[in-house]
Amino acid sequence: MYKMKKQYLLPGILAAMLLCGCTGKDAAKNPEPEAKTEESVAPENEENTASEAVAFEGQDLDGNTISQDICAESKLTMINVWATYCNPCLKEMPELGELAQEYEKADFQLIGIVSDVVEGQDEDAEEAAAYAAELVEKTGASYPHMLLNESLYLGLLADVSAVPTTFFLNEKGEILDVVVGAMDKTHWKEKIDGLLKDL
């Protein structure tokens, strides 16, 4: 059991170092940074290969196991990476909670990843998870929120350097788009509707 915990420790420390701030030095001055869309990992009009699909498995705040297989349940999956210390993350979560309820599951689903709470069974991990669950309840972000582990770090978060960072995946688990920074509901809805239209 100790070996398993040790395996998660290094990625957790690395992720904490990478995610030590929100979206950069100006995050405190500008609580709603302008979101940037990165180049799509899977360019349009090119055939996708299975190697481009992400692979991950972990537990959510309720102890349920979630893997990349969840992507097959919806045409579009939005994965929002946030942190308990990140004000822009927490500010957008109530509207993300609303968006999660407004779409049919077959079309769209939303998953959160709590980037600064490492999955584990010790007292510290349980306290951190309880605090994250409190924040989820306060913000009304009633969609699944996964806890950081080695699988998530290596499969999806290794290149994440700011929170919030949001990934959009298709049914095969392939990344369609990445957005760095927070946005309001109107802009998220435009992004979601645009991606759904192209699927």
C-alpha atoms as a PDB file:
ATOM      1  CA  MET A   1       0.000   0.000   0.000  1.00  0.00           C
ATOM      2  CA  TYR A   2       2.888   2.365   0.808  1.00  0.00           C
ATOM      3  CA  LYS A   3       4.407   1.832  -2.654  1.00  0.00           C
ATOM      4  CA  MET A   4       1.144   2.854  -4.308  1.00  0.00           C
ATOM      5  CA  LYS A   5       0.970   6.075  -2.289  1.00  0.00           C
ATOM      6  CA  LYS A   6       4.614   6.789  -3.093  1.00  0.00           C
ATOM      7  CA  GLN A   7       3.846   6.467  -6.835  1.00  0.00           C
ATOM      8  CA  TYR A   8       1.290   9.264  -6.541  1.00  0.00           C
ATOM      9  CA  LEU A   9       3.510  11.499  -4.436  1.00  0.00           C
ATOM     10  CA  LEU A  10       5.970  12.604  -7.132  1.00  0.00           C
ATOM     11  CA  PRO A  11       3.340  13.537  -9.750  1.00  0.00           C
ATOM     12  CA  GLY A  12       1.397  15.333  -7.018  1.00  0.00           C
ATOM     13  CA  ILE A  13       4.416  17.395  -6.058  1.00  0.00           C
ATOM     14  CA  LEU A  14       5.239  18.125  -9.699  1.00  0.00           C
ATOM     15  CA  ALA A  15       1.668  19.164 -10.433  1.00  0.00           C
ATOM     16  CA  ALA A  16       1.598  21.383  -7.360  1.00  0.00           C
ATOM     17  CA  MET A  17       4.787  23.085  -8.547  1.00  0.00           C
ATOM     18  CA  LEU A  18       3.367  23.585 -12.038  1.00  0.00           C
ATOM     19  CA  LEU A  19       0.027  24.828 -10.764  1.00  0.00           C
ATOM     20  CA  CYS A  20       1.387  27.159  -8.096  1.00  0.00           C
ATOM     21  CA  GLY A  21      -0.533  30.107  -9.519  1.00  0.00           C
ATOM     22  CA  CYS A  22      -3.731  30.690 -11.370  1.00  0.00           C
ATOM     23  CA  THR A  23      -3.126  31.918 -14.894  1.00  0.00           C
ATOM     24  CA  GLY A  24       0.138  33.707 -14.300  1.00  0.00           C
ATOM     25  CA  LYS A  25       1.555  36.716 -12.455  1.00  0.00           C
ATOM     26  CA  ASP A  26      -1.352  38.981 -13.353  1.00  0.00           C
ATOM     27  CA  ALA A  27      -4.015  36.637 -11.980  1.00  0.00           C
ATOM     28  CA  ALA A  28      -4.356  38.611  -8.756  1.00  0.00           C
ATOM     29  CA  LYS A  29      -4.765  41.880 -10.680  1.00  0.00           C
ATOM     30  CA  ASN A  30      -7.142  40.398 -13.236  1.00  0.00           C
ATOM     31  CA  PRO A  31      -9.443  37.836 -11.591  1.00  0.00           C
ATOM     32  CA  GLU A  32     -11.037  36.978 -14.960  1.00  0.00           C
ATOM     33  CA  PRO A  33      -8.117  36.486 -17.350  1.00  0.00           C
ATOM     34  CA  GLU A  34      -8.884  36.421 -21.023  1.00  0.00           C
ATOM     35  CA  ALA A  35      -9.074  32.788 -22.019  1.00  0.00           C
ATOM     36  CA  LYS A  36      -6.813  31.639 -24.797  1.00  0.00           C
ATOM     37  CA  THR A  37      -7.603  28.773 -27.112  1.00  0.00           C
ATOM     38  CA  GLU A  38      -4.582  26.665 -27.961  1.00  0.00           C
ATOM     39  CA  GLU A  39      -4.026  24.971 -31.301  1.00  0.00           C
ATOM     40  CA  SER A  40      -6.155  21.846 -31.460  1.00  0.00           C
ATOM     41  CA  VAL A  41      -4.219  18.669 -30.774  1.00  0.00           C
ATOM     42  CA  ALA A  42      -6.165  16.904 -33.505  1.00  0.00           C
ATOM     43  CA  PRO A  43      -6.176  19.237 -36.539  1.00  0.00           C
ATOM     44  CA  GLU A  44      -9.337  19.395 -38.606  1.00  0.00           C
ATOM     45  CA  ASN A  45      -9.607  17.283 -41.747  1.00  0.00           C
ATOM     46  CA  GLU A  46      -6.892  14.874 -40.605  1.00  0.00           C
ATOM     47  CA  GLU A  47      -7.643  11.308 -39.663  1.00  0.00           C
ATOM     48  CA  ASN A  48      -7.222  10.743 -35.939  1.00  0.00           C
ATOM     49  CA  THR A  49      -5.310   7.764 -34.605  1.00  0.00           C
ATOM     50  CA  ALA A  50      -5.958   5.878 -31.383  1.00  0.00           C
ATOM     51  CA  SER A  51      -2.609   7.103 -30.024  1.00  0.00           C
ATOM     52  CA  GLU A  52      -4.013  10.639 -29.796  1.00  0.00           C
ATOM     53  CA  ALA A  53      -6.708   9.592 -27.326  1.00  0.00           C
ATOM     54  CA  VAL A  54      -6.003  10.342 -23.669  1.00  0.00           C
ATOM     55  CA  ALA A  55      -5.878   7.557 -21.088  1.00  0.00           C
ATOM     56  CA  PHE A  56      -6.627   8.097 -17.405  1.00  0.00           C
ATOM     57  CA  GLU A  57      -8.351   6.545 -14.416  1.00  0.00           C
ATOM     58  CA  GLY A  58      -9.063   7.891 -10.967  1.00  0.00           C
ATOM     59  CA  GLN A  59     -11.592   8.568  -8.272  1.00  0.00           C
ATOM     60  CA  ASP A  60     -14.021  11.423  -7.920  1.00  0.00           C
ATOM     61  CA  LEU A  61     -14.919  13.168  -4.667  1.00  0.00           C
ATOM     62  CA  ASP A  62     -17.616  10.546  -4.015  1.00  0.00           C
ATOM     63  CA  GLY A  63     -15.188   7.625  -4.415  1.00  0.00           C
ATOM     64  CA  ASN A  64     -16.477   6.573  -7.845  1.00  0.00           C
ATOM     65  CA  THR A  65     -13.938   5.384 -10.406  1.00  0.00           C
ATOM     66  CA  ILE A  66     -13.835   7.374 -13.641  1.00  0.00           C
ATOM     67  CA  SER A  67     -11.697   6.568 -16.670  1.00  0.00           C
ATOM     68  CA  GLN A  68     -11.343   7.806 -20.242  1.00  0.00           C
ATOM     69  CA  ASP A  69     -14.217   5.427 -21.086  1.00  0.00           C
ATOM     70  CA  ILE A  70     -16.606   8.100 -19.794  1.00  0.00           C
ATOM     71  CA  CYS A  71     -15.962  10.064 -23.005  1.00  0.00           C
ATOM     72  CA  ALA A  72     -17.979   7.467 -24.943  1.00  0.00           C
ATOM     73  CA  GLU A  73     -21.104   8.546 -23.022  1.00  0.00           C
ATOM     74  CA  SER A  74     -21.299  11.977 -24.710  1.00  0.00           C
ATOM     75  CA  LYS A  75     -20.426  13.537 -28.055  1.00  0.00           C
ATOM     76  CA  LEU A  76     -18.416  16.191 -26.202  1.00  0.00           C
ATOM     77  CA  THR A  77     -16.722  15.994 -22.801  1.00  0.00           C
ATOM     78  CA  MET A  78     -15.435  19.139 -21.113  1.00  0.00           C
ATOM     79  CA  ILE A  79     -12.740  18.571 -18.482  1.00  0.00           C
ATOM     80  CA  ASN A  80     -12.158  21.636 -16.311  1.00  0.00           C
ATOM     81  CA  VAL A  81      -8.916  21.599 -14.305  1.00  0.00           C
ATOM     82  CA  TRP A  82      -9.213  23.804 -11.220  1.00  0.00           C
ATOM     83  CA  ALA A  83      -7.624  24.372  -7.824  1.00  0.00           C
ATOM     84  CA  THR A  84      -9.039  25.162  -4.404  1.00  0.00           C
ATOM     85  CA  TYR A  85      -6.905  28.337  -4.134  1.00  0.00           C
ATOM     86  CA  CYS A  86      -7.823  29.701  -7.579  1.00  0.00           C
ATOM     87  CA  ASN A  87     -10.366  32.546  -7.467  1.00  0.00           C
ATOM     88  CA  PRO A  88     -11.056  32.619 -11.247  1.00  0.00           C
ATOM     89  CA  CYS A  89     -11.709  28.847 -11.070  1.00  0.00           C
ATOM     90  CA  LEU A  90     -14.186  29.200  -8.217  1.00  0.00           C
ATOM     91  CA  LYS A  91     -15.843  32.227  -9.800  1.00  0.00           C
ATOM     92  CA  GLU A  92     -16.734  30.348 -12.995  1.00  0.00           C
ATOM     93  CA  MET A  93     -17.869  27.125 -11.302  1.00  0.00           C
ATOM     94  CA  PRO A  94     -21.488  28.192 -10.563  1.00  0.00           C
ATOM     95  CA  GLU A  95     -22.051  28.876 -14.273  1.00  0.00           C
ATOM     96  CA  LEU A  96     -20.266  25.662 -15.231  1.00  0.00           C
ATOM     97  CA  GLY A  97     -22.703  23.880 -12.909  1.00  0.00           C
ATOM     98  CA  GLU A  98     -25.587  25.485 -14.793  1.00  0.00           C
ATOM     99  CA  LEU A  99     -24.130  24.458 -18.158  1.00  0.00           C
ATOM    100  CA  ALA A 100     -23.724  20.867 -16.985  1.00  0.00           C
ATOM    101  CA  GLN A 101     -27.478  20.728 -16.337  1.00  0.00           C
ATOM    102  CA  GLU A 102     -28.584  22.425 -19.573  1.00  0.00           C
ATOM    103  CA  TYR A 103     -27.385  19.818 -22.076  1.00  0.00           C
ATOM    104  CA  GLU A 104     -28.510  16.268 -22.765  1.00  0.00           C
ATOM    105  CA  LYS A 105     -25.920  13.768 -21.479  1.00  0.00           C
ATOM    106  CA  ALA A 106     -25.713  12.205 -24.946  1.00  0.00           C
ATOM    107  CA  ASP A 107     -24.471  15.545 -26.298  1.00  0.00           C
ATOM    108  CA  PHE A 108     -22.372  17.050 -23.512  1.00  0.00           C
ATOM    109  CA  GLN A 109     -20.935  16.291 -20.108  1.00  0.00           C
ATOM    110  CA  LEU A 110     -18.637  18.134 -17.731  1.00  0.00           C
ATOM    111  CA  ILE A 111     -15.982  16.752 -15.403  1.00  0.00           C
ATOM    112  CA  GLY A 112     -13.763  18.670 -12.995  1.00  0.00           C
ATOM    113  CA  ILE A 113     -10.243  17.786 -11.890  1.00  0.00           C
ATOM    114  CA  VAL A 114      -9.116  19.218  -8.547  1.00  0.00           C
ATOM    115  CA  SER A 115      -5.455  19.769  -9.411  1.00  0.00           C
ATOM    116  CA  ASP A 116      -4.213  20.513  -5.892  1.00  0.00           C
ATOM    117  CA  VAL A 117      -5.899  17.615  -4.062  1.00  0.00           C
ATOM    118  CA  VAL A 118      -4.099  14.291  -4.450  1.00  0.00           C
ATOM    119  CA  GLU A 119      -6.082  11.071  -4.296  1.00  0.00           C
ATOM    120  CA  GLY A 120      -5.242   9.130  -1.135  1.00  0.00           C
ATOM    121  CA  GLN A 121      -6.454   7.508   2.039  1.00  0.00           C
ATOM    122  CA  ASP A 122      -4.416   9.326   4.688  1.00  0.00           C
ATOM    123  CA  GLU A 123      -5.858  12.023   6.950  1.00  0.00           C
ATOM    124  CA  ASP A 124      -4.373  14.957   5.022  1.00  0.00           C
ATOM    125  CA  ALA A 125      -5.752  13.705   1.710  1.00  0.00           C
ATOM    126  CA  GLU A 126      -9.189  13.154   3.235  1.00  0.00           C
ATOM    127  CA  GLU A 127      -9.221  16.669   4.743  1.00  0.00           C
ATOM    128  CA  ALA A 128      -8.190  18.229   1.431  1.00  0.00           C
ATOM    129  CA  ALA A 129     -10.879  16.246  -0.420  1.00  0.00           C
ATOM    130  CA  ALA A 130     -13.490  17.313   2.159  1.00  0.00           C
ATOM    131  CA  TYR A 131     -12.516  20.973   1.620  1.00  0.00           C
ATOM    132  CA  ALA A 132     -12.767  20.554  -2.172  1.00  0.00           C
ATOM    133  CA  ALA A 133     -16.195  18.931  -1.747  1.00  0.00           C
ATOM    134  CA  GLU A 134     -17.299  21.940   0.354  1.00  0.00           C
ATOM    135  CA  LEU A 135     -16.243  24.307  -2.424  1.00  0.00           C
ATOM    136  CA  VAL A 136     -18.096  22.218  -5.003  1.00  0.00           C
ATOM    137  CA  GLU A 137     -21.254  22.369  -2.897  1.00  0.00           C
ATOM    138  CA  LYS A 138     -20.938  26.129  -2.263  1.00  0.00           C
ATOM    139  CA  THR A 139     -20.452  26.887  -5.964  1.00  0.00           C
ATOM    140  CA  GLY A 140     -23.220  24.558  -7.149  1.00  0.00           C
ATOM    141  CA  ALA A 141     -20.819  22.762  -9.482  1.00  0.00           C
ATOM    142  CA  SER A 142     -22.712  19.486  -9.189  1.00  0.00           C
ATOM    143  CA  TYR A 143     -20.836  17.427 -11.749  1.00  0.00           C
ATOM    144  CA  PRO A 144     -18.121  14.815 -11.043  1.00  0.00           C
ATOM    145  CA  HIS A 145     -14.787  16.155  -9.756  1.00  0.00           C
ATOM    146  CA  MET A 146     -11.753  13.880  -9.907  1.00  0.00           C
ATOM    147  CA  LEU A 147      -8.799  13.988  -7.535  1.00  0.00           C
ATOM    148  CA  LEU A 148      -5.265  14.187  -8.898  1.00  0.00           C
ATOM    149  CA  ASN A 149      -3.311  10.958  -9.271  1.00  0.00           C
ATOM    150  CA  GLU A 150      -0.445   9.658 -11.389  1.00  0.00           C
ATOM    151  CA  SER A 151      -2.735   8.455 -14.171  1.00  0.00           C
ATOM    152  CA  LEU A 152      -4.401  11.871 -14.565  1.00  0.00           C
ATOM    153  CA  TYR A 153      -1.101  13.672 -14.329  1.00  0.00           C
ATOM    154  CA  LEU A 154       0.606  11.573 -17.007  1.00  0.00           C
ATOM    155  CA  GLY A 155      -2.478  11.158 -19.206  1.00  0.00           C
ATOM    156  CA  LEU A 156      -3.740  14.717 -19.287  1.00  0.00           C
ATOM    157  CA  LEU A 157      -2.084  17.242 -16.974  1.00  0.00           C
ATOM    158  CA  ALA A 158       1.665  16.955 -17.568  1.00  0.00           C
ATOM    159  CA  ASP A 159       1.740  20.089 -19.748  1.00  0.00           C
ATOM    160  CA  VAL A 160      -0.774  22.134 -17.743  1.00  0.00           C
ATOM    161  CA  SER A 161       0.950  25.202 -16.293  1.00  0.00           C
ATOM    162  CA  ALA A 162      -2.035  27.321 -15.191  1.00  0.00           C
ATOM    163  CA  VAL A 163      -5.511  26.909 -13.777  1.00  0.00           C
ATOM    164  CA  PRO A 164      -8.177  26.928 -14.883  1.00  0.00           C
ATOM    165  CA  THR A 165      -7.301  24.911 -17.974  1.00  0.00           C
ATOM    166  CA  THR A 166     -10.128  23.231 -19.848  1.00  0.00           C
ATOM    167  CA  PHE A 167      -9.940  20.318 -22.284  1.00  0.00           C
ATOM    168  CA  PHE A 168     -12.623  19.350 -24.791  1.00  0.00           C
ATOM    169  CA  LEU A 169     -12.637  15.683 -25.847  1.00  0.00           C
ATOM    170  CA  ASN A 170     -14.699  13.777 -28.393  1.00  0.00           C
ATOM    171  CA  GLU A 171     -16.327  10.354 -27.899  1.00  0.00           C
ATOM    172  CA  LYS A 172     -13.019   8.615 -28.620  1.00  0.00           C
ATOM    173  CA  GLY A 173     -11.240  10.592 -25.904  1.00  0.00           C
ATOM    174  CA  GLU A 174      -9.269  12.665 -28.401  1.00  0.00           C
ATOM    175  CA  ILE A 175      -8.535  16.273 -27.466  1.00  0.00           C
ATOM    176  CA  LEU A 176     -10.353  18.697 -29.758  1.00  0.00           C
ATOM    177  CA  ASP A 177      -9.429  21.957 -28.041  1.00  0.00           C
ATOM    178  CA  VAL A 178      -7.752  23.399 -24.938  1.00  0.00           C
ATOM    179  CA  VAL A 179      -8.695  26.687 -23.261  1.00  0.00           C
ATOM    180  CA  VAL A 180      -6.425  28.344 -20.689  1.00  0.00           C
ATOM    181  CA  GLY A 181      -8.215  30.776 -18.393  1.00  0.00           C
ATOM    182  CA  ALA A 182     -11.721  31.385 -17.103  1.00  0.00           C
ATOM    183  CA  MET A 183     -14.705  32.459 -19.190  1.00  0.00           C
ATOM    184  CA  ASP A 184     -18.285  33.398 -18.450  1.00  0.00           C
ATOM    185  CA  LYS A 185     -21.262  31.211 -19.273  1.00  0.00           C
ATOM    186  CA  THR A 186     -22.059  32.933 -22.578  1.00  0.00           C
ATOM    187  CA  HIS A 187     -18.560  32.355 -23.929  1.00  0.00           C
ATOM    188  CA  TRP A 188     -18.455  28.738 -22.693  1.00  0.00           C
ATOM    189  CA  LYS A 189     -21.830  28.088 -24.332  1.00  0.00           C
ATOM    190  CA  GLU A 190     -20.563  29.498 -27.646  1.00  0.00           C
ATOM    191  CA  LYS A 191     -17.489  27.255 -27.419  1.00  0.00           C
ATOM    192  CA  ILE A 192     -19.534  24.145 -26.544  1.00  0.00           C
ATOM    193  CA  ASP A 193     -22.168  24.760 -29.244  1.00  0.00           C
ATOM    194  CA  GLY A 194     -19.473  25.413 -31.846  1.00  0.00           C
ATOM    195  CA  LEU A 195     -17.646  22.180 -31.050  1.00  0.00           C
ATOM    196  CA  LEU A 196     -20.885  20.163 -30.967  1.00  0.00           C
ATOM    197  CA  LYS A 197     -21.827  21.557 -34.379  1.00  0.00           C
ATOM    198  CA  ASP A 198     -18.558  20.264 -35.831  1.00  0.00           C
ATOM    199  CA  LEU A 199     -18.951  16.751 -34.396  1.00  0.00           C
END
